[in-house]
Amino acid sequence: MRLQTKLTLLILSLLLSIIIVFGYYSQSLITKSLTNQLGNRVLSIAETVASIPEIRQAFSTKDPSHTIQPIAEKIRKQTGAQFVVVGNTEKERYSHPVPDRIGGIMVGKDNDKALQGKFVISQEKGSMGPSLRGIVPIYNKKGEIIGIVAVGFSLESIEIIKMNYRNKIIFISFGILFVGILGAMLIARSMKRAILGLEPKEITQLYQKNKAILESIKEGVVAVNLDGTVTMVNQQAIHMLHWSNEKEVLGANILDISPYSPLLEIIEKGEAVFDQEFFINEEVFIANYMPIRDAKGNIAGWVSSFRSKSELYRITQELSQVKQYSEALRAQTHEYSNKLYMISGLIQLKSYQEAIDFIARESDIQQNLLNFIRQEIPDVMICGLLIGKLNQANELKIHFDIDRESCFKAIPAVIERESLTTIIGNLIDNAIDAVMKPGVRAKNIKIFFADYGNDLIIEVEDSGTGISPEHQEKIFEKGFSTKRVKNHGIGLFLVQKIIQKLNGYISYSPNPEGGSIFTVIIPKS
């Protein structure tokens, strides 16, 4: 059964139940109220008749009915009562709607209660059939009971009145039910449009898919309404912004859980923003802000997606290293092609010994270094990075040397290799940039690795121009760079952040022979 049909039937079932209960309660209330009102009315009429002086005085005459009958009939016709009967203490009638019954005995056990001085309202069958009647005693001037007055309405006429009210209730109920059917159909149709015609099962599947997609992406995602209340968040955002959990975040104001978020400022401007930096918890993020629009095109909320700038820079560096490695391989291919041409020329000149010596020399130099790297630095990622940087340095005519006392074998598994390659790659890149500056006499880079004791040690030394004393305290600050080029000043900042996460530290010292020395110490545990 479709949602629209279910919703219509549910509303109608609820409405029908309410109508039935309302109708039954109304009918009961009207019946009870009508009975009470008519009972009070007949009692009031009876009291009025009993208090008329002419009727009291007539009891002392020879023919009381001669005076009482006309008065009683007049009152009966005026009030619409079925009967107004006056009798003496012997219950002999002095008045009756049927004149032939005057002089007869009043029928009903309730008459005895009235003769005892009680005011009675009862339903009793008398000479004119079942009726609702009120009976009161008649007192003389001495306060003695000299007779009774009985006033009644037939139960049949009361039932007709009840039927009229019942028909009105039924008519109103059908009217409400008809309006309810139209309203239920309109509500169901409106609900169907509001959920884009989707069924509950489809909505559930769509929600699960969106949730899976949201959690699968590497970016943090936070959505808020126009008041800044968080309406959606993924686990990546909770992890990146160091929030507690999703339950405490949803429904909270963004400024309560992240006081320095620029999201409310973006909401006030009302324009989409891309690639904006913001700083939270001592970390820089790159964020995009997009409005969420309803079917009419009005802004209903905002969604922000962001990533750590350090992570983006690390990925950029990795891609740059891959590109540099491919260019180094291309350069190496070109260089080896030249060497092959040289060997070919020597052979054509029949200088066989020179060709053999050249091949042996080149092979020994390259192979010895590669063998050393593979033996002392067996990690594949670090080894591959060093070989790539070695080829890049050869292309740039830089003397790239790894201290033969180096050993980097005992690297704990808890230390991510990506973190180490990011640290080593950035330091070597900075060293290459330093030795390639104009005015540098020697292009030398030397690296030392050590895994002795409880620490990992990485030392990168270059023969560049070094860092001026006034800049030495700023080199690890985000955005600081001596290069007059955009998007720099992240490398050393990123390196320091990674080292701090590994509970290590990095230091800088000037090279006595000119240049810089960066030393990194990372504890193994």
Protein backbone atom coordinates (compact mmCIF):
# COMPACT_ATOMS: atom_id res chain seq x y z
CA MET A 1 0.00 0.00 0.00
CA ARG A 2 1.38 3.41 -0.99
CA LEU A 3 2.12 6.12 1.55
CA GLN A 4 -0.59 8.46 0.28
CA THR A 5 -3.27 5.75 0.68
CA LYS A 6 -1.95 4.75 4.11
CA LEU A 7 -1.91 8.34 5.31
CA THR A 8 -5.46 8.97 4.03
CA LEU A 9 -6.84 5.84 5.70
CA LEU A 10 -5.01 6.61 8.93
CA ILE A 11 -6.42 10.14 9.12
CA LEU A 12 -9.93 8.91 8.25
CA SER A 13 -9.76 6.11 10.84
CA LEU A 14 -8.69 8.57 13.50
CA LEU A 15 -11.36 11.07 12.45
CA LEU A 16 -14.09 8.39 12.36
CA SER A 17 -13.15 7.21 15.85
CA ILE A 18 -13.31 10.77 17.14
CA ILE A 19 -16.72 11.32 15.45
CA ILE A 20 -18.17 8.12 16.95
CA VAL A 21 -16.94 8.98 20.44
CA PHE A 22 -18.04 12.59 20.05
CA GLY A 23 -21.49 11.55 18.73
CA TYR A 24 -22.08 9.05 21.52
CA TYR A 25 -20.92 11.46 24.19
CA SER A 26 -22.98 14.32 22.73
CA GLN A 27 -26.11 12.16 22.51
CA SER A 28 -25.69 11.00 26.10
CA LEU A 29 -25.04 14.54 27.28
CA ILE A 30 -28.06 15.93 25.41
CA THR A 31 -30.35 13.15 26.70
CA LYS A 32 -29.23 13.70 30.28
CA SER A 33 -29.44 17.47 29.97
CA LEU A 34 -32.87 17.36 28.31
CA THR A 35 -34.23 15.02 30.99
CA ASN A 36 -32.90 17.27 33.77
CA GLN A 37 -34.25 20.42 32.12
CA LEU A 38 -37.71 18.96 31.52
CA GLY A 39 -37.75 17.50 35.03
CA ASN A 40 -36.94 20.89 36.52
CA ARG A 41 -39.49 22.46 34.23
CA VAL A 42 -42.41 20.20 35.23
CA LEU A 43 -41.46 20.63 38.88
CA SER A 44 -41.37 24.41 38.43
CA ILE A 45 -44.79 24.40 36.73
CA ALA A 46 -46.20 22.21 39.49
CA GLU A 47 -44.83 24.58 42.16
CA THR A 48 -46.36 27.53 40.34
CA VAL A 49 -49.76 25.85 40.18
CA ALA A 50 -49.57 24.84 43.85
CA SER A 51 -48.89 28.43 44.85
CA ILE A 52 -51.91 29.96 43.03
CA PRO A 53 -54.32 31.37 45.74
CA GLU A 54 -57.51 30.57 43.75
CA ILE A 55 -56.57 26.89 43.66
CA ARG A 56 -55.84 26.84 47.39
CA GLN A 57 -59.16 28.53 48.16
CA ALA A 58 -61.05 26.17 45.84
CA PHE A 59 -60.27 23.25 48.14
CA SER A 60 -62.63 24.72 50.74
CA THR A 61 -65.56 25.03 48.28
CA LYS A 62 -68.22 22.43 47.52
CA ASP A 63 -67.06 21.94 43.90
CA PRO A 64 -63.27 22.53 43.75
CA SER A 65 -62.97 21.27 40.16
CA HIS A 66 -65.25 24.05 38.93
CA THR A 67 -62.51 26.56 39.81
CA ILE A 68 -59.40 24.42 39.43
CA GLN A 69 -60.09 22.77 36.02
CA PRO A 70 -60.10 25.98 33.94
CA ILE A 71 -56.93 27.29 35.60
CA ALA A 72 -55.12 23.96 35.19
CA GLU A 73 -56.09 23.61 31.52
CA LYS A 74 -55.02 27.16 30.76
CA ILE A 75 -51.60 26.53 32.32
CA ARG A 76 -51.31 23.17 30.52
CA LYS A 77 -51.92 24.76 27.13
CA GLN A 78 -49.58 27.68 27.84
CA THR A 79 -46.69 25.46 28.97
CA GLY A 80 -47.22 22.66 26.43
CA ALA A 81 -47.44 20.03 29.16
CA GLN A 82 -49.28 16.76 28.56
CA PHE A 83 -51.28 17.12 31.73
CA VAL A 84 -51.75 19.34 34.80
CA VAL A 85 -53.66 17.34 37.41
CA VAL A 86 -54.69 18.67 40.82
CA GLY A 87 -55.95 16.26 43.50
CA ASN A 88 -56.79 16.22 47.18
CA THR A 89 -55.17 14.22 49.94
CA GLU A 90 -57.25 11.23 48.91
CA LYS A 91 -55.75 11.55 45.42
CA GLU A 92 -59.15 12.42 43.98
CA ARG A 93 -58.72 14.46 40.76
CA TYR A 94 -60.03 18.03 40.59
CA SER A 95 -58.57 18.63 37.09
CA HIS A 96 -57.56 16.50 34.10
CA PRO A 97 -57.01 17.00 30.35
CA VAL A 98 -59.81 14.48 29.84
CA PRO A 99 -62.80 15.96 31.75
CA ASP A 100 -64.46 12.56 32.11
CA ARG A 101 -61.61 11.46 34.35
CA ILE A 102 -62.19 14.22 36.89
CA GLY A 103 -63.20 12.70 40.19
CA GLY A 104 -61.14 9.60 39.55
CA ILE A 105 -58.11 8.53 41.59
CA MET A 106 -54.64 9.76 40.55
CA VAL A 107 -52.42 6.89 39.32
CA GLY A 108 -48.80 6.43 40.44
CA LYS A 109 -46.83 5.52 43.52
CA ASP A 110 -44.96 8.82 43.41
CA ASN A 111 -48.15 10.62 44.50
CA ASP A 112 -47.73 9.17 48.00
CA LYS A 113 -44.28 10.79 48.33
CA ALA A 114 -45.76 14.18 47.48
CA LEU A 115 -48.44 13.75 50.11
CA GLN A 116 -45.60 13.26 52.56
CA GLY A 117 -44.31 16.76 51.70
CA LYS A 118 -41.65 15.77 49.15
CA PHE A 119 -41.04 17.35 45.75
CA VAL A 120 -40.91 14.49 43.24
CA ILE A 121 -39.50 14.17 39.70
CA SER A 122 -40.09 10.75 38.21
CA GLN A 123 -40.92 8.71 35.17
CA GLU A 124 -44.13 6.89 35.80
CA LYS A 125 -47.01 5.40 33.82
CA GLY A 126 -50.23 7.21 34.61
CA SER A 127 -53.69 7.42 33.12
CA MET A 128 -52.25 9.07 29.98
CA GLY A 129 -49.36 6.68 29.50
CA PRO A 130 -45.66 6.89 30.42
CA SER A 131 -44.52 10.40 31.26
CA LEU A 132 -41.90 12.52 32.96
CA ARG A 133 -43.65 14.30 35.72
CA GLY A 134 -43.18 16.55 38.68
CA ILE A 135 -45.41 16.33 41.74
CA VAL A 136 -45.53 18.84 44.63
CA PRO A 137 -47.79 19.20 47.70
CA ILE A 138 -50.33 22.04 48.12
CA TYR A 139 -50.29 23.78 51.49
CA ASN A 140 -53.00 25.90 53.13
CA LYS A 141 -52.33 28.97 55.21
CA LYS A 142 -51.67 26.84 58.29
CA GLY A 143 -48.98 24.90 56.47
CA GLU A 144 -51.03 21.75 56.19
CA ILE A 145 -51.01 19.59 53.07
CA ILE A 146 -54.44 19.79 51.46
CA GLY A 147 -53.60 18.28 48.06
CA ILE A 148 -51.05 17.67 45.33
CA VAL A 149 -50.25 18.96 41.80
CA ALA A 150 -48.88 16.66 39.09
CA VAL A 151 -47.49 18.12 35.84
CA GLY A 152 -46.07 15.86 33.11
CA PHE A 153 -44.66 15.55 29.62
CA SER A 154 -45.15 12.31 27.72
CA LEU A 155 -42.03 10.24 27.18
CA GLU A 156 -43.03 9.86 23.55
CA SER A 157 -42.80 13.61 22.94
CA ILE A 158 -39.47 13.69 24.82
CA GLU A 159 -38.20 10.89 22.57
CA ILE A 160 -39.18 12.93 19.52
CA ILE A 161 -37.13 15.85 20.85
CA LYS A 162 -34.19 13.51 21.43
CA MET A 163 -34.55 12.13 17.91
CA ASN A 164 -34.37 15.65 16.48
CA TYR A 165 -31.15 16.31 18.35
CA ARG A 166 -29.80 12.89 17.30
CA ASN A 167 -30.52 13.63 13.65
CA LYS A 168 -28.68 16.95 13.94
CA ILE A 169 -25.65 15.22 15.46
CA ILE A 170 -25.65 12.60 12.69
CA PHE A 171 -25.92 15.32 10.03
CA ILE A 172 -23.07 17.30 11.58
CA SER A 173 -20.98 14.12 11.92
CA PHE A 174 -21.42 13.27 8.25
CA GLY A 175 -20.51 16.83 7.36
CA ILE A 176 -17.34 16.62 9.48
CA LEU A 177 -16.53 13.23 7.95
CA PHE A 178 -16.92 14.62 4.43
CA VAL A 179 -14.69 17.59 5.22
CA GLY A 180 -12.27 15.18 6.90
CA ILE A 181 -12.07 13.02 3.76
CA LEU A 182 -11.22 16.05 1.65
CA GLY A 183 -8.72 17.26 4.26
CA ALA A 184 -7.09 13.82 4.54
CA MET A 185 -6.69 13.62 0.77
CA LEU A 186 -5.19 17.13 0.63
CA ILE A 187 -2.83 16.42 3.55
CA ALA A 188 -1.71 13.12 2.03
CA ARG A 189 -1.16 14.74 -1.36
CA SER A 190 0.73 17.65 0.20
CA MET A 191 2.89 15.22 2.21
CA LYS A 192 3.58 13.25 -0.96
CA ARG A 193 4.75 16.41 -2.73
CA ALA A 194 6.86 17.43 0.27
CA ILE A 195 8.82 14.16 0.16
CA LEU A 196 9.19 14.36 -3.63
CA GLY A 197 6.85 11.44 -4.27
CA LEU A 198 9.06 8.95 -2.46
CA GLU A 199 7.79 6.01 -0.46
CA PRO A 200 9.06 5.35 3.12
CA LYS A 201 11.17 2.42 1.92
CA GLU A 202 12.71 4.58 -0.79
CA ILE A 203 13.38 7.36 1.73
CA THR A 204 15.09 4.86 4.05
CA GLN A 205 17.24 3.52 1.22
CA LEU A 206 18.09 7.04 0.08
CA TYR A 207 19.02 8.06 3.63
CA GLN A 208 21.24 4.99 4.05
CA LYS A 209 22.94 5.63 0.71
CA ASN A 210 23.50 9.30 1.49
CA LYS A 211 24.82 8.40 4.94
CA ALA A 212 27.23 5.88 3.44
CA ILE A 213 28.39 8.39 0.81
CA LEU A 214 28.76 11.10 3.45
CA GLU A 215 30.88 8.85 5.67
CA SER A 216 32.99 7.55 2.77
CA ILE A 217 34.40 10.91 1.71
CA LYS A 218 37.59 12.22 3.26
CA GLU A 219 36.27 15.75 3.70
CA GLY A 220 34.50 16.94 6.81
CA VAL A 221 30.89 17.98 6.15
CA VAL A 222 28.71 20.11 8.44
CA ALA A 223 25.22 21.42 7.60
CA VAL A 224 23.34 24.07 9.60
CA ASN A 225 20.02 25.87 9.33
CA LEU A 226 19.64 29.65 9.17
CA ASP A 227 19.90 29.90 12.97
CA GLY A 228 23.25 28.12 12.99
CA THR A 229 21.88 24.87 14.45
CA VAL A 230 23.77 21.79 13.24
CA THR A 231 21.44 19.55 11.22
CA MET A 232 23.96 17.13 9.71
CA VAL A 233 27.57 16.12 10.32
CA ASN A 234 29.77 13.23 9.26
CA GLN A 235 32.31 11.33 11.35
CA GLN A 236 35.23 12.86 9.46
CA ALA A 237 34.17 16.35 10.58
CA ILE A 238 33.77 15.17 14.18
CA HIS A 239 37.26 13.67 14.08
CA MET A 240 38.90 16.68 12.39
CA LEU A 241 37.29 19.26 14.70
CA HIS A 242 37.79 17.10 17.85
CA TRP A 243 34.09 17.01 18.73
CA SER A 244 32.77 14.36 21.11
CA ASN A 245 30.11 12.47 19.13
CA GLU A 246 27.29 12.97 16.65
CA LYS A 247 24.47 12.96 19.24
CA GLU A 248 25.90 15.93 21.15
CA VAL A 249 26.65 17.86 17.96
CA LEU A 250 23.28 17.49 16.20
CA GLY A 251 20.84 20.14 17.40
CA ALA A 252 23.57 22.29 18.97
CA ASN A 253 24.46 25.77 17.76
CA ILE A 254 27.67 25.86 15.73
CA LEU A 255 29.10 28.66 17.89
CA ASP A 256 28.54 26.66 21.07
CA ILE A 257 30.67 23.75 19.87
CA SER A 258 33.03 25.70 17.60
CA PRO A 259 33.23 29.35 18.75
CA TYR A 260 35.64 30.43 16.03
CA SER A 261 33.72 28.98 13.09
CA PRO A 262 33.17 31.54 10.29
CA LEU A 263 29.94 29.80 9.23
CA LEU A 264 27.56 32.39 10.73
CA GLU A 265 29.45 35.19 8.99
CA ILE A 266 29.00 33.33 5.69
CA ILE A 267 25.26 32.96 6.44
CA GLU A 268 24.91 36.71 7.00
CA LYS A 269 26.61 37.48 3.66
CA GLY A 270 24.37 34.99 1.87
CA GLU A 271 26.89 34.10 -0.84
CA ALA A 272 28.70 30.87 -1.64
CA VAL A 273 32.39 30.88 -0.68
CA PHE A 274 35.08 28.57 -2.01
CA ASP A 275 38.56 27.65 -0.76
CA GLN A 276 38.47 29.88 2.32
CA GLU A 277 40.94 29.23 5.12
CA PHE A 278 39.87 29.08 8.75
CA PHE A 279 41.83 28.22 11.88
CA ILE A 280 40.47 25.91 14.61
CA ASN A 281 42.32 23.97 17.30
CA GLU A 282 45.69 25.22 16.03
CA GLU A 283 45.04 23.69 12.62
CA VAL A 284 44.33 25.33 9.27
CA PHE A 285 41.45 24.11 7.10
CA ILE A 286 40.36 24.89 3.56
CA ALA A 287 36.57 25.12 3.38
CA ASN A 288 33.79 25.58 0.84
CA TYR A 289 30.40 27.00 1.86
CA MET A 290 27.28 26.38 -0.23
CA PRO A 291 23.65 27.42 0.46
CA ILE A 292 20.91 24.79 0.70
CA ARG A 293 17.86 25.95 -1.24
CA ASP A 294 14.26 24.78 -1.00
CA ALA A 295 11.88 24.13 -3.91
CA LYS A 296 11.14 27.86 -4.22
CA GLY A 297 14.83 28.74 -4.42
CA ASN A 298 14.97 30.29 -0.94
CA ILE A 299 17.98 29.57 1.26
CA ALA A 300 16.99 27.04 3.93
CA GLY A 301 20.44 26.36 5.35
CA TRP A 302 24.15 26.06 4.62
CA VAL A 303 26.58 23.18 4.16
CA SER A 304 30.32 23.39 4.66
CA SER A 305 32.89 20.89 3.39
CA PHE A 306 36.51 21.21 4.47
CA ARG A 307 39.86 19.47 4.61
CA SER A 308 43.01 20.05 6.54
CA LYS A 309 45.36 22.35 4.65
CA SER A 310 48.29 20.33 5.94
CA GLU A 311 46.82 17.17 4.47
CA LEU A 312 46.14 18.87 1.16
CA TYR A 313 49.69 20.15 1.12
CA ARG A 314 50.99 16.68 1.93
CA ILE A 315 49.02 15.18 -0.94
CA THR A 316 50.26 17.95 -3.23
CA GLN A 317 53.81 17.23 -2.14
CA GLU A 318 53.37 13.52 -2.79
CA LEU A 319 52.03 14.23 -6.26
CA SER A 320 54.88 16.66 -6.80
CA GLN A 321 57.36 14.01 -5.71
CA VAL A 322 55.83 11.52 -8.12
CA LYS A 323 56.12 14.09 -10.89
CA GLN A 324 59.70 14.87 -9.92
CA TYR A 325 60.50 11.16 -9.82
CA SER A 326 59.09 10.68 -13.31
CA GLU A 327 61.05 13.68 -14.55
CA ALA A 328 64.18 12.31 -12.86
CA LEU A 329 63.65 8.98 -14.60
CA ARG A 330 63.25 10.81 -17.87
CA ALA A 331 66.43 12.76 -17.22
CA GLN A 332 68.21 9.58 -16.18
CA THR A 333 67.04 7.89 -19.37
CA HIS A 334 68.37 10.83 -21.33
CA GLU A 335 71.66 10.73 -19.41
CA TYR A 336 72.05 6.99 -19.92
CA SER A 337 71.26 7.44 -23.60
CA ASN A 338 74.21 9.85 -23.82
CA LYS A 339 76.42 7.37 -21.99
CA LEU A 340 75.33 4.59 -24.32
CA TYR A 341 76.20 6.78 -27.29
CA MET A 342 79.62 7.40 -25.71
CA ILE A 343 80.16 3.65 -25.22
CA SER A 344 79.01 3.02 -28.79
CA GLY A 345 81.49 5.63 -30.05
CA LEU A 346 84.36 4.11 -28.06
CA ILE A 347 83.57 0.67 -29.48
CA GLN A 348 83.43 2.04 -33.00
CA LEU A 349 86.83 3.63 -32.39
CA LYS A 350 87.97 0.22 -31.18
CA SER A 351 88.86 1.72 -27.79
CA TYR A 352 87.58 -1.35 -26.05
CA GLN A 353 89.51 -0.96 -22.81
CA GLU A 354 88.32 2.62 -22.36
CA ALA A 355 84.75 1.48 -22.91
CA ILE A 356 85.11 -1.33 -20.36
CA ASP A 357 86.64 1.02 -17.80
CA PHE A 358 83.90 3.58 -18.31
CA ILE A 359 81.16 0.98 -17.88
CA ALA A 360 82.78 -0.45 -14.74
CA ARG A 361 83.24 2.98 -13.20
CA GLU A 362 79.67 4.11 -13.84
CA SER A 363 78.25 0.80 -12.70
CA ASP A 364 80.25 0.76 -9.49
CA ILE A 365 79.31 4.31 -8.48
CA GLN A 366 75.57 3.84 -9.05
CA GLN A 367 75.35 0.28 -7.88
CA ASN A 368 77.30 0.85 -4.68
CA LEU A 369 74.99 3.66 -3.64
CA LEU A 370 71.86 1.69 -4.52
CA ASN A 371 73.12 -1.35 -2.67
CA PHE A 372 73.88 0.76 0.37
CA ILE A 373 70.41 2.32 0.35
CA ARG A 374 68.69 -1.05 -0.02
CA GLN A 375 70.79 -2.60 2.75
CA GLU A 376 70.74 0.15 5.36
CA ILE A 377 67.32 1.69 4.55
CA PRO A 378 65.20 -1.33 3.63
CA ASP A 379 61.81 0.40 3.89
CA VAL A 380 60.39 0.47 0.35
CA MET A 381 58.69 3.86 0.57
CA ILE A 382 61.70 5.67 2.07
CA CYS A 383 64.10 3.85 -0.25
CA GLY A 384 62.04 4.79 -3.29
CA LEU A 385 61.88 8.41 -2.15
CA LEU A 386 65.67 8.61 -1.71
CA ILE A 387 66.35 7.06 -5.13
CA GLY A 388 63.96 9.52 -6.72
CA LYS A 389 65.62 12.46 -4.99
CA LEU A 390 69.04 11.06 -5.97
CA ASN A 391 68.05 11.02 -9.64
CA GLN A 392 66.57 14.50 -9.34
CA ALA A 393 69.82 15.77 -7.81
CA ASN A 394 71.90 14.15 -10.55
CA GLU A 395 69.83 15.93 -13.18
CA LEU A 396 70.34 19.26 -11.38
CA LYS A 397 74.09 18.56 -11.03
CA ILE A 398 73.80 18.46 -7.25
CA HIS A 399 76.16 16.27 -5.23
CA PHE A 400 73.69 14.13 -3.24
CA ASP A 401 75.31 11.98 -0.57
CA ILE A 402 74.02 9.66 2.13
CA ASP A 403 76.34 9.23 5.09
CA ARG A 404 77.77 5.70 4.95
CA GLU A 405 77.37 5.46 8.73
CA SER A 406 73.62 5.69 8.32
CA CYS A 407 71.29 2.93 9.41
CA PHE A 408 67.49 3.14 9.31
CA LYS A 409 66.23 -0.38 9.81
CA ALA A 410 64.54 -0.43 13.24
CA ILE A 411 61.47 1.67 12.40
CA PRO A 412 58.50 0.77 14.64
CA ALA A 413 55.28 -0.23 12.89
CA VAL A 414 53.32 2.40 14.88
CA ILE A 415 55.12 5.19 13.01
CA GLU A 416 53.39 5.78 9.70
CA ARG A 417 55.70 5.60 6.69
CA GLU A 418 53.73 8.40 5.03
CA SER A 419 54.69 10.71 7.89
CA LEU A 420 58.39 9.84 7.54
CA THR A 421 58.37 10.29 3.76
CA THR A 422 56.64 13.66 4.16
CA ILE A 423 59.31 14.80 6.66
CA ILE A 424 62.25 13.53 4.59
CA GLY A 425 60.81 14.73 1.27
CA ASN A 426 60.15 18.28 2.54
CA LEU A 427 63.59 18.62 4.11
CA ILE A 428 65.34 17.38 0.93
CA ASP A 429 63.20 19.68 -1.25
CA ASN A 430 64.14 22.65 0.94
CA ALA A 431 67.81 21.63 0.68
CA ILE A 432 67.59 21.39 -3.14
CA ASP A 433 65.93 24.82 -3.28
CA ALA A 434 68.66 26.22 -1.02
CA VAL A 435 71.62 24.96 -3.12
CA MET A 436 69.97 26.07 -6.37
CA LYS A 437 69.83 29.72 -5.31
CA PRO A 438 72.04 32.18 -7.21
CA GLY A 439 75.47 32.78 -5.68
CA VAL A 440 75.85 29.31 -4.15
CA ARG A 441 79.40 28.07 -4.79
CA ALA A 442 78.89 24.35 -4.09
CA LYS A 443 75.78 22.24 -4.58
CA ASN A 444 76.10 19.66 -1.85
CA ILE A 445 73.42 17.83 0.13
CA LYS A 446 74.21 15.26 2.76
CA ILE A 447 71.77 13.11 4.68
CA PHE A 448 72.29 11.08 7.80
CA PHE A 449 69.92 8.46 9.26
CA ALA A 450 70.21 6.72 12.63
CA ASP A 451 67.97 4.28 14.48
CA TYR A 452 70.19 3.61 17.50
CA GLY A 453 68.73 3.56 21.00
CA ASN A 454 65.16 4.74 21.60
CA ASP A 455 65.02 7.41 18.89
CA LEU A 456 64.99 7.81 15.12
CA ILE A 457 67.33 10.56 13.92
CA ILE A 458 67.17 12.31 10.54
CA GLU A 459 69.69 15.00 9.63
CA VAL A 460 69.68 16.94 6.36
CA GLU A 461 72.65 19.22 5.60
CA ASP A 462 73.01 21.56 2.62
CA SER A 463 75.62 24.04 1.39
CA GLY A 464 73.16 26.76 0.45
CA THR A 465 72.99 30.37 1.62
CA GLY A 466 71.53 29.45 5.02
CA ILE A 467 68.85 31.33 6.95
CA SER A 468 69.40 34.82 8.28
CA PRO A 469 69.31 35.19 12.11
CA GLU A 470 66.20 37.38 12.06
CA HIS A 471 64.27 34.65 10.21
CA GLN A 472 65.44 31.62 12.17
CA GLU A 473 62.68 31.88 14.79
CA LYS A 474 59.94 32.16 12.14
CA ILE A 475 60.82 29.30 9.78
CA PHE A 476 58.31 26.91 11.38
CA GLU A 477 55.44 29.40 11.35
CA LYS A 478 52.55 28.78 8.97
CA GLY A 479 52.81 30.90 5.83
CA PHE A 480 56.35 32.15 6.48
CA SER A 481 58.67 31.82 3.49
CA THR A 482 61.68 33.64 2.11
CA LYS A 483 60.44 32.83 -1.40
CA ARG A 484 58.39 35.54 -3.01
CA VAL A 485 55.94 33.05 -4.47
CA LYS A 486 52.35 32.30 -3.49
CA ASN A 487 51.30 29.11 -1.65
CA HIS A 488 54.64 28.66 0.11
CA GLY A 489 55.44 28.64 3.82
CA ILE A 490 53.64 25.35 4.50
CA GLY A 491 56.45 22.76 4.22
CA LEU A 492 58.28 23.27 7.50
CA PHE A 493 55.02 24.09 9.28
CA LEU A 494 53.62 20.75 8.11
CA VAL A 495 56.83 18.92 9.05
CA GLN A 496 56.75 20.37 12.56
CA LYS A 497 53.07 19.41 13.01
CA ILE A 498 53.76 15.82 11.95
CA ILE A 499 56.79 15.58 14.23
CA GLN A 500 54.80 16.97 17.16
CA LYS A 501 52.11 14.31 16.58
CA LEU A 502 54.91 11.72 16.76
CA ASN A 503 56.07 13.30 20.07
CA GLY A 504 59.35 14.34 18.48
CA TYR A 505 61.03 17.65 17.74
CA ILE A 506 62.96 19.39 14.97
CA SER A 507 65.83 21.84 15.30
CA TYR A 508 67.75 24.12 12.97
CA SER A 509 71.41 25.08 13.16
CA PRO A 510 73.67 26.94 10.69
CA ASN A 511 76.21 24.86 8.76
CA PRO A 512 79.72 26.03 9.70
CA GLU A 513 80.73 25.68 6.05
CA GLY A 514 77.68 27.63 4.89
CA GLY A 515 74.12 26.45 4.58
CA SER A 516 71.69 24.80 6.98
CA ILE A 517 71.38 21.68 9.10
CA PHE A 518 67.95 20.36 10.11
CA THR A 519 67.86 17.63 12.75
CA VAL A 520 64.77 15.57 13.51
CA ILE A 521 64.47 13.27 16.53
CA ILE A 522 61.44 10.97 16.82
CA PRO A 523 60.99 8.58 19.76
CA LYS A 524 60.32 4.97 18.76
CA SER A 525 57.65 4.45 21.42
